[in-house]
N, C-alpha and C. Protein backbone atom coordinates (compact mmCIF):
# COMPACT_ATOMS: atom_id res chain seq x y z
N MET A 1 -39.62 -87.88 12.57
CA MET A 1 -38.90 -89.12 12.77
C MET A 1 -39.84 -90.28 12.46
N SER A 2 -39.34 -91.24 11.69
CA SER A 2 -40.16 -92.38 11.31
C SER A 2 -40.32 -93.35 12.48
N ASN A 3 -41.24 -94.28 12.34
CA ASN A 3 -41.45 -95.30 13.38
C ASN A 3 -40.21 -96.15 13.59
N ILE A 4 -39.51 -96.44 12.51
CA ILE A 4 -38.29 -97.24 12.61
C ILE A 4 -37.22 -96.47 13.37
N GLN A 5 -37.05 -95.20 13.04
CA GLN A 5 -36.06 -94.38 13.76
C GLN A 5 -36.41 -94.27 15.23
N THR A 6 -37.69 -94.10 15.53
CA THR A 6 -38.13 -94.01 16.91
C THR A 6 -37.83 -95.31 17.65
N ALA A 7 -38.10 -96.44 17.01
CA ALA A 7 -37.85 -97.75 17.62
C ALA A 7 -36.36 -97.96 17.88
N VAL A 8 -35.54 -97.57 16.90
CA VAL A 8 -34.09 -97.72 17.05
C VAL A 8 -33.58 -96.83 18.18
N THR A 9 -34.04 -95.58 18.21
CA THR A 9 -33.65 -94.64 19.27
C THR A 9 -34.06 -95.17 20.63
N SER A 10 -35.27 -95.72 20.71
CA SER A 10 -35.77 -96.28 21.97
C SER A 10 -34.93 -97.49 22.39
N ALA A 11 -34.58 -98.35 21.44
CA ALA A 11 -33.77 -99.53 21.75
C ALA A 11 -32.39 -99.12 22.25
N ILE A 12 -31.81 -98.11 21.62
CA ILE A 12 -30.49 -97.62 22.05
C ILE A 12 -30.59 -97.05 23.46
N ALA A 13 -31.62 -96.26 23.72
CA ALA A 13 -31.81 -95.68 25.06
C ALA A 13 -31.98 -96.77 26.10
N GLN A 14 -32.75 -97.81 25.77
CA GLN A 14 -32.94 -98.92 26.71
C GLN A 14 -31.64 -99.67 26.93
N SER A 15 -30.86 -99.84 25.87
CA SER A 15 -29.57 -100.52 25.98
C SER A 15 -28.61 -99.73 26.87
N GLU A 16 -28.60 -98.40 26.67
CA GLU A 16 -27.74 -97.54 27.49
C GLU A 16 -28.20 -97.56 28.94
N ALA A 17 -29.52 -97.55 29.17
CA ALA A 17 -30.05 -97.60 30.53
C ALA A 17 -29.67 -98.92 31.19
N ALA A 18 -29.75 -100.01 30.46
CA ALA A 18 -29.37 -101.31 31.01
C ALA A 18 -27.89 -101.35 31.36
N SER A 19 -27.07 -100.76 30.50
CA SER A 19 -25.64 -100.71 30.75
C SER A 19 -25.33 -99.88 31.99
N LEU A 20 -26.01 -98.72 32.14
CA LEU A 20 -25.81 -97.89 33.32
C LEU A 20 -26.28 -98.61 34.57
N PHE A 21 -27.40 -99.32 34.48
CA PHE A 21 -27.92 -100.07 35.62
C PHE A 21 -26.89 -101.12 36.05
N THR A 22 -26.33 -101.82 35.07
CA THR A 22 -25.32 -102.83 35.37
C THR A 22 -24.11 -102.19 36.04
N THR A 23 -23.67 -101.07 35.52
CA THR A 23 -22.52 -100.37 36.09
C THR A 23 -22.79 -99.95 37.52
N LEU A 24 -23.97 -99.40 37.77
CA LEU A 24 -24.30 -98.90 39.10
C LEU A 24 -24.58 -100.00 40.10
N VAL A 25 -25.45 -100.90 39.75
CA VAL A 25 -25.93 -101.89 40.71
C VAL A 25 -24.99 -103.08 40.85
N LEU A 26 -24.58 -103.64 39.75
CA LEU A 26 -23.76 -104.84 39.83
C LEU A 26 -22.29 -104.53 40.09
N ASN A 27 -21.80 -103.42 39.54
CA ASN A 27 -20.38 -103.10 39.69
C ASN A 27 -20.12 -101.99 40.70
N SER A 28 -21.17 -101.31 41.15
CA SER A 28 -21.05 -100.19 42.11
C SER A 28 -20.02 -99.17 41.66
N ASP A 29 -20.05 -98.81 40.38
CA ASP A 29 -19.06 -97.89 39.82
C ASP A 29 -19.77 -96.70 39.17
N LEU A 30 -19.55 -95.52 39.74
CA LEU A 30 -20.16 -94.30 39.21
C LEU A 30 -19.30 -93.61 38.16
N SER A 31 -18.10 -94.09 37.94
CA SER A 31 -17.17 -93.41 37.03
C SER A 31 -17.65 -93.41 35.59
N LYS A 32 -18.51 -94.34 35.21
CA LYS A 32 -19.00 -94.40 33.84
C LYS A 32 -20.12 -93.40 33.58
N LEU A 33 -20.66 -92.79 34.63
CA LEU A 33 -21.73 -91.82 34.47
C LEU A 33 -21.17 -90.46 34.09
N THR A 34 -21.97 -89.70 33.37
CA THR A 34 -21.59 -88.32 33.09
C THR A 34 -21.81 -87.51 34.36
N GLU A 35 -21.28 -86.32 34.40
CA GLU A 35 -21.45 -85.45 35.58
C GLU A 35 -22.93 -85.20 35.89
N PRO A 36 -23.76 -84.85 34.89
CA PRO A 36 -25.19 -84.67 35.20
C PRO A 36 -25.86 -85.94 35.71
N GLN A 37 -25.45 -87.10 35.19
CA GLN A 37 -26.01 -88.36 35.66
C GLN A 37 -25.61 -88.63 37.11
N ARG A 38 -24.36 -88.30 37.46
CA ARG A 38 -23.92 -88.47 38.85
C ARG A 38 -24.71 -87.59 39.79
N VAL A 39 -24.95 -86.35 39.37
CA VAL A 39 -25.73 -85.43 40.20
C VAL A 39 -27.13 -85.98 40.41
N GLU A 40 -27.75 -86.44 39.34
CA GLU A 40 -29.10 -87.00 39.44
C GLU A 40 -29.12 -88.24 40.33
N TYR A 41 -28.14 -89.11 40.17
CA TYR A 41 -28.05 -90.32 40.99
C TYR A 41 -27.88 -89.93 42.46
N TYR A 42 -27.02 -88.97 42.72
CA TYR A 42 -26.77 -88.48 44.08
C TYR A 42 -28.07 -87.98 44.70
N LYS A 43 -28.82 -87.18 43.94
CA LYS A 43 -30.09 -86.63 44.43
C LYS A 43 -31.09 -87.76 44.72
N ILE A 44 -31.15 -88.75 43.86
CA ILE A 44 -32.08 -89.87 44.05
C ILE A 44 -31.72 -90.66 45.31
N VAL A 45 -30.44 -90.94 45.49
CA VAL A 45 -30.01 -91.68 46.68
C VAL A 45 -30.35 -90.90 47.95
N CYS A 46 -30.07 -89.60 47.93
CA CYS A 46 -30.40 -88.76 49.09
C CYS A 46 -31.90 -88.77 49.37
N GLU A 47 -32.68 -88.61 48.31
CA GLU A 47 -34.14 -88.58 48.46
C GLU A 47 -34.66 -89.89 49.06
N ARG A 48 -34.17 -91.01 48.55
CA ARG A 48 -34.63 -92.31 49.04
C ARG A 48 -34.23 -92.55 50.49
N ALA A 49 -33.10 -91.98 50.92
CA ALA A 49 -32.64 -92.15 52.29
C ALA A 49 -33.18 -91.07 53.22
N GLY A 50 -33.90 -90.09 52.67
CA GLY A 50 -34.43 -89.00 53.48
C GLY A 50 -33.36 -88.02 53.92
N LEU A 51 -32.35 -87.82 53.06
CA LEU A 51 -31.23 -86.94 53.38
C LEU A 51 -31.30 -85.66 52.55
N ASP A 52 -30.76 -84.59 53.10
CA ASP A 52 -30.70 -83.31 52.41
C ASP A 52 -29.44 -83.29 51.55
N PRO A 53 -29.58 -83.32 50.21
CA PRO A 53 -28.39 -83.35 49.36
C PRO A 53 -27.54 -82.08 49.46
N MET A 54 -28.16 -80.96 49.86
CA MET A 54 -27.41 -79.71 49.97
C MET A 54 -26.43 -79.74 51.15
N ALA A 55 -26.63 -80.66 52.09
CA ALA A 55 -25.72 -80.79 53.23
C ALA A 55 -24.52 -81.68 52.90
N LYS A 56 -24.47 -82.20 51.67
CA LYS A 56 -23.39 -83.05 51.18
C LYS A 56 -23.15 -84.27 52.07
N PRO A 57 -24.17 -85.15 52.17
CA PRO A 57 -24.04 -86.33 53.03
C PRO A 57 -23.13 -87.42 52.47
N PHE A 58 -22.79 -87.35 51.21
CA PHE A 58 -21.92 -88.36 50.60
C PHE A 58 -20.72 -87.70 49.93
N ASP A 59 -19.63 -88.42 49.92
CA ASP A 59 -18.44 -88.02 49.16
C ASP A 59 -18.28 -89.02 48.02
N LEU A 60 -17.78 -88.56 46.88
CA LEU A 60 -17.44 -89.45 45.79
C LEU A 60 -15.97 -89.82 45.94
N LEU A 61 -15.71 -91.10 46.12
CA LEU A 61 -14.34 -91.57 46.33
C LEU A 61 -13.99 -92.63 45.30
N MET A 62 -12.72 -92.72 44.98
CA MET A 62 -12.21 -93.81 44.16
C MET A 62 -11.69 -94.88 45.11
N LEU A 63 -12.33 -96.03 45.12
CA LEU A 63 -11.93 -97.17 45.94
C LEU A 63 -11.80 -98.39 45.05
N ASN A 64 -10.66 -99.03 45.10
CA ASN A 64 -10.41 -100.23 44.29
C ASN A 64 -10.73 -100.00 42.82
N GLY A 65 -10.39 -98.82 42.32
CA GLY A 65 -10.59 -98.51 40.91
C GLY A 65 -12.02 -98.16 40.53
N LYS A 66 -12.91 -98.04 41.52
CA LYS A 66 -14.30 -97.69 41.25
C LYS A 66 -14.65 -96.40 41.96
N MET A 67 -15.48 -95.59 41.32
CA MET A 67 -15.99 -94.38 41.96
C MET A 67 -17.26 -94.77 42.71
N VAL A 68 -17.27 -94.51 44.01
CA VAL A 68 -18.41 -94.90 44.85
C VAL A 68 -18.87 -93.73 45.71
N LEU A 69 -20.13 -93.81 46.16
CA LEU A 69 -20.64 -92.86 47.14
C LEU A 69 -20.22 -93.37 48.51
N TYR A 70 -19.61 -92.49 49.28
CA TYR A 70 -19.16 -92.84 50.61
C TYR A 70 -19.95 -91.99 51.61
N ALA A 71 -20.70 -92.66 52.49
CA ALA A 71 -21.49 -91.95 53.50
C ALA A 71 -20.53 -91.32 54.51
N ASN A 72 -20.64 -90.00 54.68
CA ASN A 72 -19.73 -89.30 55.60
C ASN A 72 -20.45 -88.96 56.92
N LYS A 73 -19.80 -88.17 57.74
CA LYS A 73 -20.32 -87.80 59.06
C LYS A 73 -21.68 -87.12 58.97
N THR A 74 -21.89 -86.34 57.92
CA THR A 74 -23.17 -85.65 57.74
C THR A 74 -24.30 -86.65 57.56
N THR A 75 -24.04 -87.73 56.86
CA THR A 75 -25.05 -88.78 56.68
C THR A 75 -25.48 -89.33 58.03
N THR A 76 -24.50 -89.65 58.85
CA THR A 76 -24.78 -90.19 60.18
C THR A 76 -25.59 -89.20 61.00
N ALA A 77 -25.21 -87.95 60.97
CA ALA A 77 -25.93 -86.92 61.75
C ALA A 77 -27.37 -86.77 61.27
N GLN A 78 -27.57 -86.74 59.96
CA GLN A 78 -28.92 -86.59 59.44
C GLN A 78 -29.79 -87.81 59.75
N LEU A 79 -29.26 -89.00 59.56
CA LEU A 79 -30.03 -90.20 59.84
C LEU A 79 -30.35 -90.32 61.33
N THR A 80 -29.40 -89.95 62.17
CA THR A 80 -29.63 -89.97 63.62
C THR A 80 -30.76 -89.03 63.99
N ALA A 81 -30.73 -87.83 63.43
CA ALA A 81 -31.77 -86.84 63.73
C ALA A 81 -33.12 -87.26 63.14
N ASN A 82 -33.12 -87.76 61.92
CA ASN A 82 -34.36 -88.16 61.25
C ASN A 82 -35.08 -89.30 61.95
N HIS A 83 -34.29 -90.21 62.53
CA HIS A 83 -34.87 -91.40 63.16
C HIS A 83 -34.82 -91.34 64.69
N ARG A 84 -34.45 -90.17 65.20
CA ARG A 84 -34.39 -89.93 66.64
C ARG A 84 -33.58 -91.01 67.37
N LEU A 85 -32.40 -91.26 66.85
CA LEU A 85 -31.50 -92.24 67.46
C LEU A 85 -30.53 -91.55 68.41
N THR A 86 -30.05 -92.29 69.36
CA THR A 86 -29.04 -91.74 70.27
C THR A 86 -27.80 -92.61 70.25
């Protein structure tokens, strides 16, 4: 691959990353992500919150036309246990 092709590929990847970032952060919409991207995002969110993703702490819901992560009862239980809350 030539330097120009590499630069173009890199620019496209950065543009796609920026678009995904906008979709996720500014619009809070996961529906534009591919299934593998959703799984990766789910794992990252769980990791940052100190949650076990295998316990399924979040549900993917459609709310107001957007796909969002919804913290369920498992999230509450894990956070309560992790932070020794009562």
